[in-house]
Amino acid sequence: MENYLKILGRKFNYKEFDIVIIGDLHGFDKSIKIEKELIKSFKPQFVLHEMLESYNLTKEEAKSIIKSKNWKSKLFNYKSISYIFKLAKETNATFIGSDLKNHGIKNLNDYHVDRELTKQEEEDEEKLIKKRELKQADNIIRFLNKKKKLICITGTYHLRKNSVLVKTLSKLKNLNILLVYPHINGKLFYGQMDFKINELYYMYQLLPAKDL
């Protein structure tokens, strides 16, 4: 990946960005490759990651977790997010959980159960997503206020145009915020359709973005 990106007709150096926000497809190879390359180029002090919930992770802790193959979360086991520990091991950045513990889910036994949600459950789910996105935005702003070099990795769904996260960050003034997200045919992709691997590309945009 080049040290410069050409966006909206202008050439940018990574040093010009206050934060890079990456849309993650949760373990998908192309996502991991992009994340590795951007962390290597941007050299952030901190990486905020949605899948770490509210837990923090240093390089040494990542090494220990990889060795033991044991992770303390009740929501995600080691295998499901092992790619994050490997990523943390390969960088000097501290990884920070940017979300709610257990992603705010109260009944973990019913999580990911394959069934249709009731209308009330759908409403509760929508409220929870907004709460999580606000938490992520608050964490980003907290680190930006400390003038820390920052990358944020979050599920691509949270980068849709009307999300609480995008709306909140779009209001920030005098900041260069870079969004890096997967798309198909120019549209934000978060797993809502079947696709062929050669149809998936990553797009770069400055925030606020019109094309999400």
N, C-alpha and C. Protein backbone atom coordinates (compact mmCIF):
# COMPACT_ATOMS: atom_id res chain seq x y z
N MET A 1 0.85 -1.19 0.00
CA MET A 1 0.00 0.00 0.00
C MET A 1 0.89 1.24 0.00
N GLU A 2 0.54 2.23 -0.80
CA GLU A 2 1.35 3.43 -0.93
C GLU A 2 1.24 4.30 0.31
N ASN A 3 2.24 5.18 0.50
CA ASN A 3 2.19 6.13 1.61
C ASN A 3 1.27 7.29 1.31
N TYR A 4 0.86 7.39 0.04
CA TYR A 4 -0.04 8.47 -0.35
C TYR A 4 -1.31 7.89 -0.95
N LEU A 5 -2.40 8.58 -0.72
CA LEU A 5 -3.68 8.20 -1.32
C LEU A 5 -4.23 9.41 -2.06
N LYS A 6 -4.81 9.17 -3.22
CA LYS A 6 -5.45 10.26 -3.95
C LYS A 6 -6.95 10.16 -3.74
N ILE A 7 -7.52 11.14 -3.05
CA ILE A 7 -8.93 11.13 -2.71
C ILE A 7 -9.56 12.45 -3.12
N LEU A 8 -10.68 12.37 -3.83
CA LEU A 8 -11.39 13.57 -4.25
C LEU A 8 -10.48 14.54 -4.99
N GLY A 9 -9.58 13.99 -5.81
CA GLY A 9 -8.72 14.82 -6.63
C GLY A 9 -7.52 15.40 -5.90
N ARG A 10 -7.34 15.05 -4.64
CA ARG A 10 -6.23 15.59 -3.86
C ARG A 10 -5.36 14.46 -3.34
N LYS A 11 -4.06 14.69 -3.28
CA LYS A 11 -3.13 13.67 -2.81
C LYS A 11 -2.89 13.86 -1.31
N PHE A 12 -3.10 12.81 -0.54
CA PHE A 12 -2.96 12.88 0.91
C PHE A 12 -1.81 11.99 1.39
N ASN A 13 -1.07 12.49 2.37
CA ASN A 13 -0.11 11.66 3.09
C ASN A 13 -0.81 11.11 4.32
N TYR A 14 -0.46 9.88 4.72
CA TYR A 14 -1.09 9.30 5.91
C TYR A 14 -0.94 10.21 7.12
N LYS A 15 0.15 10.98 7.18
CA LYS A 15 0.39 11.85 8.33
C LYS A 15 -0.66 12.94 8.45
N GLU A 16 -1.38 13.22 7.38
CA GLU A 16 -2.40 14.27 7.41
C GLU A 16 -3.68 13.84 8.11
N PHE A 17 -3.85 12.54 8.30
CA PHE A 17 -5.10 12.06 8.89
C PHE A 17 -5.01 12.01 10.40
N ASP A 18 -6.07 12.49 11.04
CA ASP A 18 -6.15 12.40 12.50
C ASP A 18 -6.60 11.01 12.92
N ILE A 19 -7.38 10.37 12.09
CA ILE A 19 -7.87 9.03 12.39
C ILE A 19 -8.23 8.31 11.09
N VAL A 20 -7.98 7.01 11.07
CA VAL A 20 -8.41 6.15 9.97
C VAL A 20 -9.43 5.17 10.54
N ILE A 21 -10.60 5.10 9.94
CA ILE A 21 -11.66 4.18 10.39
C ILE A 21 -11.85 3.11 9.32
N ILE A 22 -11.70 1.85 9.72
CA ILE A 22 -11.75 0.74 8.78
C ILE A 22 -13.00 -0.09 9.00
N GLY A 23 -13.73 -0.36 7.93
CA GLY A 23 -14.89 -1.25 7.99
C GLY A 23 -14.44 -2.69 7.93
N ASP A 24 -14.75 -3.45 8.97
CA ASP A 24 -14.26 -4.82 9.13
C ASP A 24 -15.34 -5.83 8.77
N LEU A 25 -14.94 -6.89 8.07
CA LEU A 25 -15.86 -7.99 7.76
C LEU A 25 -15.62 -9.19 8.68
N HIS A 26 -15.02 -8.93 9.83
CA HIS A 26 -14.89 -9.90 10.92
C HIS A 26 -14.21 -11.21 10.51
N GLY A 27 -12.91 -11.11 10.23
CA GLY A 27 -12.11 -12.30 9.94
C GLY A 27 -11.93 -12.61 8.48
N PHE A 28 -12.60 -11.88 7.61
CA PHE A 28 -12.47 -12.08 6.17
C PHE A 28 -11.05 -11.70 5.74
N ASP A 29 -10.39 -12.54 4.94
CA ASP A 29 -8.97 -12.37 4.62
C ASP A 29 -8.64 -11.00 4.06
N LYS A 30 -9.48 -10.49 3.17
CA LYS A 30 -9.19 -9.20 2.56
C LYS A 30 -9.25 -8.08 3.59
N SER A 31 -10.16 -8.18 4.55
CA SER A 31 -10.23 -7.20 5.63
C SER A 31 -8.95 -7.20 6.44
N ILE A 32 -8.49 -8.39 6.82
CA ILE A 32 -7.29 -8.51 7.65
C ILE A 32 -6.08 -7.92 6.92
N LYS A 33 -5.97 -8.19 5.63
CA LYS A 33 -4.84 -7.68 4.85
C LYS A 33 -4.84 -6.16 4.81
N ILE A 34 -6.00 -5.56 4.56
CA ILE A 34 -6.12 -4.11 4.53
C ILE A 34 -5.76 -3.52 5.89
N GLU A 35 -6.28 -4.13 6.96
CA GLU A 35 -6.01 -3.63 8.31
C GLU A 35 -4.52 -3.68 8.63
N LYS A 36 -3.85 -4.77 8.27
CA LYS A 36 -2.41 -4.89 8.50
C LYS A 36 -1.65 -3.80 7.77
N GLU A 37 -2.00 -3.58 6.51
CA GLU A 37 -1.29 -2.60 5.69
C GLU A 37 -1.49 -1.19 6.21
N LEU A 38 -2.70 -0.87 6.63
CA LEU A 38 -2.97 0.48 7.12
C LEU A 38 -2.29 0.73 8.47
N ILE A 39 -2.29 -0.26 9.34
CA ILE A 39 -1.61 -0.11 10.63
C ILE A 39 -0.11 0.07 10.40
N LYS A 40 0.44 -0.69 9.47
CA LYS A 40 1.87 -0.58 9.16
C LYS A 40 2.20 0.81 8.61
N SER A 41 1.36 1.34 7.75
CA SER A 41 1.61 2.64 7.12
C SER A 41 1.34 3.81 8.06
N PHE A 42 0.23 3.73 8.80
CA PHE A 42 -0.22 4.84 9.64
C PHE A 42 0.51 4.89 10.98
N LYS A 43 0.97 3.74 11.47
CA LYS A 43 1.69 3.62 12.74
C LYS A 43 0.95 4.29 13.90
N PRO A 44 -0.26 3.84 14.19
CA PRO A 44 -1.05 4.46 15.27
C PRO A 44 -0.51 4.09 16.65
N GLN A 45 -0.78 4.96 17.63
CA GLN A 45 -0.46 4.62 19.02
C GLN A 45 -1.51 3.66 19.58
N PHE A 46 -2.74 3.83 19.09
CA PHE A 46 -3.84 3.01 19.57
C PHE A 46 -4.68 2.51 18.40
N VAL A 47 -5.18 1.28 18.56
CA VAL A 47 -6.15 0.73 17.61
C VAL A 47 -7.41 0.41 18.40
N LEU A 48 -8.49 1.12 18.11
CA LEU A 48 -9.78 0.84 18.75
C LEU A 48 -10.48 -0.23 17.95
N HIS A 49 -10.94 -1.29 18.63
CA HIS A 49 -11.53 -2.42 17.90
C HIS A 49 -12.85 -2.83 18.53
N GLU A 50 -13.88 -2.86 17.69
CA GLU A 50 -15.23 -3.23 18.14
C GLU A 50 -15.29 -4.63 18.74
N MET A 51 -14.58 -5.58 18.15
CA MET A 51 -14.70 -6.98 18.55
C MET A 51 -14.02 -7.29 19.89
N LEU A 52 -13.26 -6.34 20.41
CA LEU A 52 -12.66 -6.52 21.73
C LEU A 52 -13.61 -6.08 22.84
N GLU A 53 -14.81 -5.67 22.44
CA GLU A 53 -15.83 -5.23 23.41
C GLU A 53 -15.26 -4.07 24.24
N SER A 54 -15.11 -4.28 25.57
CA SER A 54 -14.57 -3.23 26.43
C SER A 54 -13.19 -3.60 26.98
N TYR A 55 -12.57 -4.63 26.40
CA TYR A 55 -11.26 -5.11 26.89
C TYR A 55 -10.12 -4.43 26.13
N ASN A 56 -8.98 -4.29 26.81
CA ASN A 56 -7.79 -3.72 26.19
C ASN A 56 -6.74 -4.81 26.00
N LEU A 57 -5.78 -4.55 25.10
CA LEU A 57 -4.85 -5.60 24.71
C LEU A 57 -3.52 -5.00 24.28
N THR A 58 -2.44 -5.35 25.00
CA THR A 58 -1.10 -4.94 24.60
C THR A 58 -0.46 -6.04 23.74
N LYS A 59 0.67 -5.71 23.17
CA LYS A 59 1.39 -6.68 22.34
C LYS A 59 1.77 -7.91 23.16
N GLU A 60 2.26 -7.70 24.38
CA GLU A 60 2.67 -8.82 25.23
C GLU A 60 1.47 -9.68 25.64
N GLU A 61 0.35 -9.03 25.93
CA GLU A 61 -0.86 -9.77 26.28
C GLU A 61 -1.35 -10.61 25.11
N ALA A 62 -1.24 -10.05 23.91
CA ALA A 62 -1.64 -10.79 22.71
C ALA A 62 -0.80 -12.05 22.54
N LYS A 63 0.50 -11.93 22.77
CA LYS A 63 1.39 -13.09 22.67
C LYS A 63 0.98 -14.18 23.66
N SER A 64 0.66 -13.76 24.88
CA SER A 64 0.26 -14.71 25.92
C SER A 64 -1.05 -15.42 25.56
N ILE A 65 -1.99 -14.65 25.01
CA ILE A 65 -3.30 -15.22 24.63
C ILE A 65 -3.14 -16.21 23.49
N ILE A 66 -2.29 -15.87 22.53
CA ILE A 66 -2.04 -16.79 21.40
C ILE A 66 -1.42 -18.09 21.90
N LYS A 67 -0.54 -17.97 22.88
CA LYS A 67 0.12 -19.16 23.44
C LYS A 67 -0.88 -20.05 24.19
N SER A 68 -1.75 -19.43 24.97
CA SER A 68 -2.70 -20.20 25.79
C SER A 68 -3.98 -20.56 25.04
N LYS A 69 -4.23 -19.80 23.93
CA LYS A 69 -5.47 -19.97 23.16
C LYS A 69 -6.71 -19.83 24.06
N ASN A 70 -6.60 -18.89 24.98
CA ASN A 70 -7.69 -18.66 25.94
C ASN A 70 -8.02 -17.17 25.99
N TRP A 71 -9.30 -16.85 25.81
CA TRP A 71 -9.74 -15.45 25.83
C TRP A 71 -10.89 -15.31 26.82
N LYS A 72 -10.89 -14.21 27.57
CA LYS A 72 -11.80 -14.08 28.71
C LYS A 72 -13.23 -13.69 28.35
N SER A 73 -13.48 -13.32 27.12
CA SER A 73 -14.82 -12.88 26.72
C SER A 73 -15.84 -14.01 26.79
N LYS A 74 -17.06 -13.67 27.18
CA LYS A 74 -18.17 -14.62 27.17
C LYS A 74 -18.90 -14.60 25.83
N LEU A 75 -18.61 -13.58 25.03
CA LEU A 75 -19.31 -13.41 23.76
C LEU A 75 -18.56 -14.05 22.60
N PHE A 76 -17.23 -13.86 22.57
CA PHE A 76 -16.41 -14.40 21.48
C PHE A 76 -15.33 -15.30 22.06
N ASN A 77 -15.20 -16.50 21.52
CA ASN A 77 -14.11 -17.37 21.98
C ASN A 77 -12.82 -17.03 21.24
N TYR A 78 -11.74 -17.65 21.65
CA TYR A 78 -10.42 -17.34 21.07
C TYR A 78 -10.41 -17.53 19.56
N LYS A 79 -10.93 -18.66 19.12
CA LYS A 79 -10.86 -18.99 17.69
C LYS A 79 -11.57 -17.96 16.82
N SER A 80 -12.70 -17.45 17.29
CA SER A 80 -13.50 -16.55 16.45
C SER A 80 -12.84 -15.20 16.21
N ILE A 81 -11.95 -14.78 17.12
CA ILE A 81 -11.29 -13.48 16.91
C ILE A 81 -9.77 -13.61 17.03
N SER A 82 -9.24 -14.79 16.75
CA SER A 82 -7.79 -15.01 16.86
C SER A 82 -7.02 -14.07 15.92
N TYR A 83 -7.64 -13.67 14.82
CA TYR A 83 -6.97 -12.77 13.88
C TYR A 83 -6.63 -11.43 14.52
N ILE A 84 -7.43 -11.01 15.51
CA ILE A 84 -7.15 -9.75 16.21
C ILE A 84 -5.91 -9.88 17.08
N PHE A 85 -5.78 -10.99 17.77
CA PHE A 85 -4.61 -11.20 18.62
C PHE A 85 -3.34 -11.26 17.78
N LYS A 86 -3.42 -11.90 16.62
CA LYS A 86 -2.27 -11.98 15.73
C LYS A 86 -1.91 -10.59 15.21
N LEU A 87 -2.93 -9.78 14.94
CA LEU A 87 -2.71 -8.41 14.48
C LEU A 87 -2.03 -7.59 15.58
N ALA A 88 -2.50 -7.74 16.81
CA ALA A 88 -1.93 -7.00 17.94
C ALA A 88 -0.49 -7.43 18.22
N LYS A 89 -0.21 -8.69 17.99
CA LYS A 89 1.14 -9.21 18.21
C LYS A 89 2.15 -8.59 17.25
N GLU A 90 1.69 -8.24 16.05
CA GLU A 90 2.58 -7.76 15.00
C GLU A 90 2.75 -6.25 14.99
N THR A 91 2.18 -5.55 15.96
CA THR A 91 2.26 -4.10 15.98
C THR A 91 2.64 -3.61 17.36
N ASN A 92 3.12 -2.38 17.44
CA ASN A 92 3.45 -1.78 18.73
C ASN A 92 2.29 -0.98 19.31
N ALA A 93 1.18 -0.96 18.62
CA ALA A 93 0.01 -0.21 19.10
C ALA A 93 -0.68 -0.99 20.22
N THR A 94 -1.31 -0.25 21.12
CA THR A 94 -2.18 -0.86 22.12
C THR A 94 -3.58 -0.96 21.54
N PHE A 95 -4.19 -2.13 21.63
CA PHE A 95 -5.54 -2.34 21.12
C PHE A 95 -6.54 -2.07 22.25
N ILE A 96 -7.55 -1.27 21.94
CA ILE A 96 -8.55 -0.85 22.92
C ILE A 96 -9.93 -1.31 22.48
N GLY A 97 -10.66 -1.97 23.36
CA GLY A 97 -12.04 -2.32 23.05
C GLY A 97 -12.89 -1.07 22.98
N SER A 98 -13.55 -0.85 21.86
CA SER A 98 -14.29 0.40 21.64
C SER A 98 -15.78 0.27 21.86
N ASP A 99 -16.24 -0.91 22.25
CA ASP A 99 -17.67 -1.19 22.31
C ASP A 99 -18.09 -1.48 23.75
N LEU A 100 -19.33 -1.89 23.92
CA LEU A 100 -19.84 -2.30 25.23
C LEU A 100 -19.41 -3.72 25.54
N LYS A 101 -19.27 -4.05 26.82
CA LYS A 101 -18.98 -5.42 27.21
C LYS A 101 -20.13 -6.32 26.74
N ASN A 102 -19.76 -7.45 26.14
CA ASN A 102 -20.75 -8.37 25.55
C ASN A 102 -21.60 -7.69 24.49
N HIS A 103 -21.09 -6.56 23.95
CA HIS A 103 -21.84 -5.76 22.98
C HIS A 103 -23.22 -5.37 23.51
N GLY A 104 -23.32 -5.30 24.83
CA GLY A 104 -24.58 -4.88 25.45
C GLY A 104 -25.67 -5.93 25.45
N ILE A 105 -25.33 -7.14 25.04
CA ILE A 105 -26.34 -8.22 24.95
C ILE A 105 -26.60 -8.79 26.34
N LYS A 106 -27.85 -8.83 26.73
CA LYS A 106 -28.21 -9.29 28.07
C LYS A 106 -28.33 -10.81 28.15
N ASN A 107 -28.93 -11.41 27.15
CA ASN A 107 -29.13 -12.86 27.15
C ASN A 107 -28.18 -13.52 26.15
N LEU A 108 -27.01 -13.88 26.63
CA LEU A 108 -26.01 -14.46 25.73
C LEU A 108 -26.40 -15.84 25.22
N ASN A 109 -27.23 -16.54 25.96
CA ASN A 109 -27.67 -17.88 25.55
C ASN A 109 -28.53 -17.83 24.29
N ASP A 110 -29.16 -16.68 24.05
CA ASP A 110 -30.05 -16.54 22.89
C ASP A 110 -29.35 -15.83 21.73
N TYR A 111 -28.07 -15.49 21.94
CA TYR A 111 -27.33 -14.75 20.92
C TYR A 111 -26.98 -15.67 19.75
N HIS A 112 -27.19 -15.18 18.53
CA HIS A 112 -26.89 -15.92 17.30
C HIS A 112 -27.77 -17.16 17.11
N VAL A 113 -28.84 -17.29 17.89
CA VAL A 113 -29.76 -18.40 17.67
C VAL A 113 -30.50 -18.14 16.36
N ASP A 114 -30.57 -19.16 15.51
CA ASP A 114 -31.15 -19.01 14.18
C ASP A 114 -32.68 -19.06 14.25
N ARG A 115 -33.28 -17.90 14.42
CA ARG A 115 -34.74 -17.81 14.45
C ARG A 115 -35.14 -16.39 14.10
N GLU A 116 -36.40 -16.21 13.75
CA GLU A 116 -36.89 -14.87 13.46
C GLU A 116 -37.12 -14.11 14.76
N LEU A 117 -36.76 -12.83 14.74
CA LEU A 117 -36.95 -12.00 15.92
C LEU A 117 -38.39 -11.50 15.97
N THR A 118 -38.89 -11.31 17.18
CA THR A 118 -40.20 -10.69 17.34
C THR A 118 -40.08 -9.21 17.04
N LYS A 119 -41.19 -8.53 16.86
CA LYS A 119 -41.17 -7.09 16.59
C LYS A 119 -40.50 -6.34 17.73
N GLN A 120 -40.78 -6.75 18.97
CA GLN A 120 -40.17 -6.11 20.13
C GLN A 120 -38.66 -6.33 20.14
N GLU A 121 -38.24 -7.55 19.79
CA GLU A 121 -36.81 -7.85 19.76
C GLU A 121 -36.11 -7.04 18.67
N GLU A 122 -36.77 -6.83 17.54
CA GLU A 122 -36.19 -6.01 16.47
C GLU A 122 -36.02 -4.57 16.93
N GLU A 123 -37.01 -4.05 17.66
CA GLU A 123 -36.93 -2.69 18.19
C GLU A 123 -35.81 -2.58 19.22
N ASP A 124 -35.71 -3.59 20.08
CA ASP A 124 -34.65 -3.60 21.09
C ASP A 124 -33.27 -3.68 20.44
N GLU A 125 -33.17 -4.47 19.37
CA GLU A 125 -31.91 -4.62 18.64
C GLU A 125 -31.49 -3.30 18.02
N GLU A 126 -32.44 -2.58 17.45
CA GLU A 126 -32.15 -1.28 16.84
C GLU A 126 -31.66 -0.28 17.88
N LYS A 127 -32.30 -0.29 19.05
CA LYS A 127 -31.88 0.60 20.14
C LYS A 127 -30.47 0.26 20.62
N LEU A 128 -30.19 -1.03 20.70
CA LEU A 128 -28.88 -1.48 21.16
C LEU A 128 -27.79 -1.08 20.17
N ILE A 129 -28.06 -1.21 18.89
CA ILE A 129 -27.08 -0.82 17.87
C ILE A 129 -26.75 0.67 18.00
N LYS A 130 -27.76 1.49 18.21
CA LYS A 130 -27.53 2.93 18.39
C LYS A 130 -26.69 3.21 19.63
N LYS A 131 -26.98 2.48 20.70
CA LYS A 131 -26.23 2.63 21.95
C LYS A 131 -24.77 2.24 21.76
N ARG A 132 -24.54 1.15 21.03
CA ARG A 132 -23.18 0.70 20.76
C ARG A 132 -22.43 1.69 19.88
N GLU A 133 -23.11 2.21 18.88
CA GLU A 133 -22.46 3.17 17.98
C GLU A 133 -22.12 4.47 18.70
N LEU A 134 -22.96 4.88 19.62
CA LEU A 134 -22.66 6.07 20.42
C LEU A 134 -21.44 5.81 21.32
N LYS A 135 -21.36 4.62 21.89
CA LYS A 135 -20.21 4.25 22.71
C LYS A 135 -18.93 4.28 21.89
N GLN A 136 -18.98 3.75 20.67
CA GLN A 136 -17.81 3.75 19.80
C GLN A 136 -17.40 5.18 19.46
N ALA A 137 -18.37 6.03 19.14
CA ALA A 137 -18.08 7.43 18.82
C ALA A 137 -17.46 8.14 20.01
N ASP A 138 -18.00 7.92 21.20
CA ASP A 138 -17.47 8.55 22.42
C ASP A 138 -16.02 8.14 22.66
N ASN A 139 -15.72 6.86 22.44
CA ASN A 139 -14.35 6.38 22.63
C ASN A 139 -13.39 7.01 21.62
N ILE A 140 -13.83 7.14 20.38
CA ILE A 140 -13.00 7.77 19.36
C ILE A 140 -12.71 9.22 19.74
N ILE A 141 -13.74 9.95 20.12
CA ILE A 141 -13.58 11.36 20.49
C ILE A 141 -12.67 11.51 21.70
N ARG A 142 -12.80 10.60 22.66
CA ARG A 142 -11.96 10.65 23.87
C ARG A 142 -10.48 10.55 23.50
N PHE A 143 -10.13 9.66 22.58
CA PHE A 143 -8.74 9.51 22.19
C PHE A 143 -8.28 10.65 21.27
N LEU A 144 -9.18 11.14 20.43
CA LEU A 144 -8.82 12.29 19.59
C LEU A 144 -8.52 13.51 20.45
N ASN A 145 -9.26 13.68 21.53
CA ASN A 145 -9.02 14.81 22.44
C ASN A 145 -7.67 14.73 23.13
N LYS A 146 -7.13 13.51 23.21
CA LYS A 146 -5.81 13.32 23.81
C LYS A 146 -4.70 13.48 22.77
N LYS A 147 -5.10 13.82 21.54
CA LYS A 147 -4.15 14.02 20.44
C LYS A 147 -3.35 12.74 20.15
N LYS A 148 -4.02 11.61 20.25
CA LYS A 148 -3.36 10.34 19.99
C LYS A 148 -3.59 9.90 18.55
N LYS A 149 -2.55 9.32 17.95
CA LYS A 149 -2.67 8.80 16.60
C LYS A 149 -3.49 7.51 16.65
N LEU A 150 -4.52 7.44 15.82
CA LEU A 150 -5.58 6.47 16.07
C LEU A 150 -6.08 5.79 14.80
N ILE A 151 -6.28 4.47 14.90
CA ILE A 151 -7.04 3.72 13.91
C ILE A 151 -8.21 3.09 14.64
N CYS A 152 -9.37 3.11 14.01
CA CYS A 152 -10.55 2.47 14.58
C CYS A 152 -11.04 1.41 13.61
N ILE A 153 -11.24 0.20 14.11
CA ILE A 153 -11.75 -0.90 13.30
C ILE A 153 -13.12 -1.29 13.84
N THR A 154 -14.12 -1.21 12.97
CA THR A 154 -15.48 -1.52 13.41
C THR A 154 -16.21 -2.28 12.31
N GLY A 155 -17.27 -2.96 12.67
CA GLY A 155 -18.05 -3.67 11.67
C GLY A 155 -18.55 -2.72 10.60
N THR A 156 -18.47 -3.15 9.36
CA THR A 156 -18.85 -2.28 8.24
C THR A 156 -20.27 -1.75 8.38
N TYR A 157 -21.15 -2.52 8.99
CA TYR A 157 -22.54 -2.08 9.15
C TYR A 157 -22.62 -0.76 9.91
N HIS A 158 -21.68 -0.53 10.83
CA HIS A 158 -21.70 0.70 11.63
C HIS A 158 -21.24 1.92 10.85
N LEU A 159 -20.80 1.72 9.60
CA LEU A 159 -20.37 2.84 8.76
C LEU A 159 -21.42 3.25 7.74
N ARG A 160 -22.63 2.72 7.87
CA ARG A 160 -23.69 3.17 6.97
C ARG A 160 -23.97 4.65 7.23
N LYS A 161 -24.47 5.34 6.23
CA LYS A 161 -24.56 6.80 6.25
C LYS A 161 -25.37 7.34 7.41
N ASN A 162 -26.44 6.64 7.81
CA ASN A 162 -27.32 7.16 8.86
C ASN A 162 -27.01 6.59 10.24
N SER A 163 -25.86 5.94 10.40
CA SER A 163 -25.52 5.38 11.70
C SER A 163 -25.18 6.48 12.70
N VAL A 164 -25.39 6.20 13.97
CA VAL A 164 -25.05 7.17 15.02
C VAL A 164 -23.56 7.48 14.99
N LEU A 165 -22.74 6.47 14.70
CA LEU A 165 -21.29 6.65 14.64
C LEU A 165 -20.90 7.65 13.56
N VAL A 166 -21.38 7.44 12.35
CA VAL A 166 -21.02 8.31 11.23
C VAL A 166 -21.59 9.72 11.43
N LYS A 167 -22.82 9.81 11.88
CA LYS A 167 -23.44 11.12 12.12
C LYS A 167 -22.66 11.92 13.16
N THR A 168 -22.27 11.25 14.24
CA THR A 168 -21.54 11.94 15.32
C THR A 168 -20.18 12.42 14.85
N LEU A 169 -19.44 11.56 14.16
CA LEU A 169 -18.10 11.93 13.71
C LEU A 169 -18.14 12.97 12.59
N SER A 170 -19.21 12.97 11.80
CA SER A 170 -19.34 13.95 10.71
C SER A 170 -19.48 15.37 11.23
N LYS A 171 -19.88 15.51 12.48
CA LYS A 171 -20.06 16.84 13.08
C LYS A 171 -18.76 17.42 13.62
N LEU A 172 -17.72 16.60 13.72
CA LEU A 172 -16.45 17.08 14.26
C LEU A 172 -15.79 18.04 13.28
N LYS A 173 -15.22 19.11 13.80
CA LYS A 173 -14.63 20.15 12.96
C LYS A 173 -13.10 20.04 12.94
N ASN A 174 -12.53 20.50 11.82
CA ASN A 174 -11.08 20.63 11.66
C ASN A 174 -10.32 19.32 11.87
N LEU A 175 -10.91 18.23 11.38
CA LEU A 175 -10.26 16.93 11.47
C LEU A 175 -10.26 16.27 10.09
N ASN A 176 -9.18 15.58 9.78
CA ASN A 176 -9.14 14.75 8.58
C ASN A 176 -9.44 13.32 8.98
N ILE A 177 -10.63 12.84 8.66
CA ILE A 177 -11.06 11.50 9.02
C ILE A 177 -11.19 10.67 7.74
N LEU A 178 -10.43 9.59 7.67
CA LEU A 178 -10.44 8.72 6.50
C LEU A 178 -11.25 7.47 6.79
N LEU A 179 -12.22 7.18 5.92
CA LEU A 179 -12.98 5.93 5.99
C LEU A 179 -12.43 4.97 4.95
N VAL A 180 -12.22 3.73 5.35
CA VAL A 180 -11.78 2.68 4.44
C VAL A 180 -12.76 1.53 4.60
N TYR A 181 -13.52 1.22 3.56
CA TYR A 181 -14.61 0.25 3.74
C TYR A 181 -14.82 -0.59 2.48
N PRO A 182 -15.31 -1.82 2.64
CA PRO A 182 -15.57 -2.70 1.50
C PRO A 182 -16.82 -2.28 0.74
N HIS A 183 -16.77 -2.42 -0.56
CA HIS A 183 -17.95 -2.08 -1.35
C HIS A 183 -18.06 -3.01 -2.55
N ILE A 184 -19.27 -3.10 -3.05
CA ILE A 184 -19.56 -3.81 -4.29
C ILE A 184 -20.34 -2.86 -5.18
N ASN A 185 -19.82 -2.62 -6.37
CA ASN A 185 -20.46 -1.68 -7.31
C ASN A 185 -20.67 -0.31 -6.67
N GLY A 186 -19.69 0.12 -5.87
CA GLY A 186 -19.76 1.45 -5.29
C GLY A 186 -20.65 1.59 -4.08
N LYS A 187 -21.20 0.49 -3.58
CA LYS A 187 -22.11 0.54 -2.43
C LYS A 187 -21.46 -0.13 -1.22
N LEU A 188 -21.68 0.45 -0.06
CA LEU A 188 -21.17 -0.13 1.18
C LEU A 188 -21.63 -1.58 1.32
N PHE A 189 -20.68 -2.47 1.60
CA PHE A 189 -21.01 -3.89 1.72
C PHE A 189 -20.77 -4.36 3.15
N TYR A 190 -21.79 -4.95 3.75
CA TYR A 190 -21.63 -5.48 5.11
C TYR A 190 -22.20 -6.88 5.23
N GLY A 191 -22.17 -7.64 4.13
CA GLY A 191 -22.61 -9.04 4.16
C GLY A 191 -24.08 -9.22 3.91
N GLN A 192 -24.73 -8.20 3.34
CA GLN A 192 -26.19 -8.26 3.15
C GLN A 192 -26.60 -9.00 1.88
N MET A 193 -25.62 -9.55 1.14
CA MET A 193 -25.94 -10.26 -0.10
C MET A 193 -24.84 -11.27 -0.40
N ASP A 194 -25.15 -12.24 -1.24
CA ASP A 194 -24.13 -13.15 -1.72
C ASP A 194 -23.22 -12.40 -2.69
N PHE A 195 -21.95 -12.77 -2.75
CA PHE A 195 -21.05 -12.05 -3.64
C PHE A 195 -19.92 -12.98 -4.10
N LYS A 196 -19.27 -12.57 -5.18
CA LYS A 196 -18.08 -13.25 -5.66
C LYS A 196 -16.88 -12.45 -5.19
N ILE A 197 -15.81 -13.17 -4.85
CA ILE A 197 -14.64 -12.53 -4.26
C ILE A 197 -14.08 -11.41 -5.13
N ASN A 198 -14.15 -11.57 -6.47
CA ASN A 198 -13.59 -10.55 -7.35
C ASN A 198 -14.48 -9.32 -7.48
N GLU A 199 -15.67 -9.36 -6.87
CA GLU A 199 -16.57 -8.20 -6.90
C GLU A 199 -16.31 -7.25 -5.73
N LEU A 200 -15.56 -7.70 -4.74
CA LEU A 200 -15.38 -6.95 -3.50
C LEU A 200 -14.10 -6.11 -3.55
N TYR A 201 -14.25 -4.82 -3.34
CA TYR A 201 -13.11 -3.91 -3.31
C TYR A 201 -13.23 -3.00 -2.09
N TYR A 202 -12.10 -2.38 -1.75
CA TYR A 202 -12.13 -1.41 -0.65
C TYR A 202 -12.09 0.00 -1.21
N MET A 203 -12.91 0.85 -0.64
CA MET A 203 -13.03 2.24 -1.07
C MET A 203 -12.50 3.16 0.02
N TYR A 204 -11.90 4.27 -0.38
CA TYR A 204 -11.39 5.27 0.55
C TYR A 204 -12.21 6.54 0.40
N GLN A 205 -12.66 7.10 1.51
CA GLN A 205 -13.43 8.34 1.47
C GLN A 205 -13.09 9.20 2.68
N LEU A 206 -13.18 10.50 2.49
CA LEU A 206 -13.07 11.41 3.62
C LEU A 206 -14.45 11.59 4.24
N LEU A 207 -14.47 11.78 5.54
CA LEU A 207 -15.73 12.03 6.24
C LEU A 207 -15.90 13.54 6.41
N PRO A 208 -17.10 14.08 6.18
CA PRO A 208 -18.34 13.38 5.84
C PRO A 208 -18.34 12.86 4.39
N ALA A 209 -18.95 11.68 4.20
CA ALA A 209 -18.96 11.01 2.91
C ALA A 209 -20.37 10.98 2.34
N LYS A 210 -20.50 11.24 1.05
CA LYS A 210 -21.81 11.27 0.41
C LYS A 210 -22.21 9.90 -0.15
N ASP A 211 -21.25 9.03 -0.35
CA ASP A 211 -21.52 7.81 -1.13
C ASP A 211 -21.66 6.54 -0.30
N LEU A 212 -21.78 6.64 1.01
CA LEU A 212 -21.96 5.45 1.84
C LEU A 212 -23.32 4.83 1.59
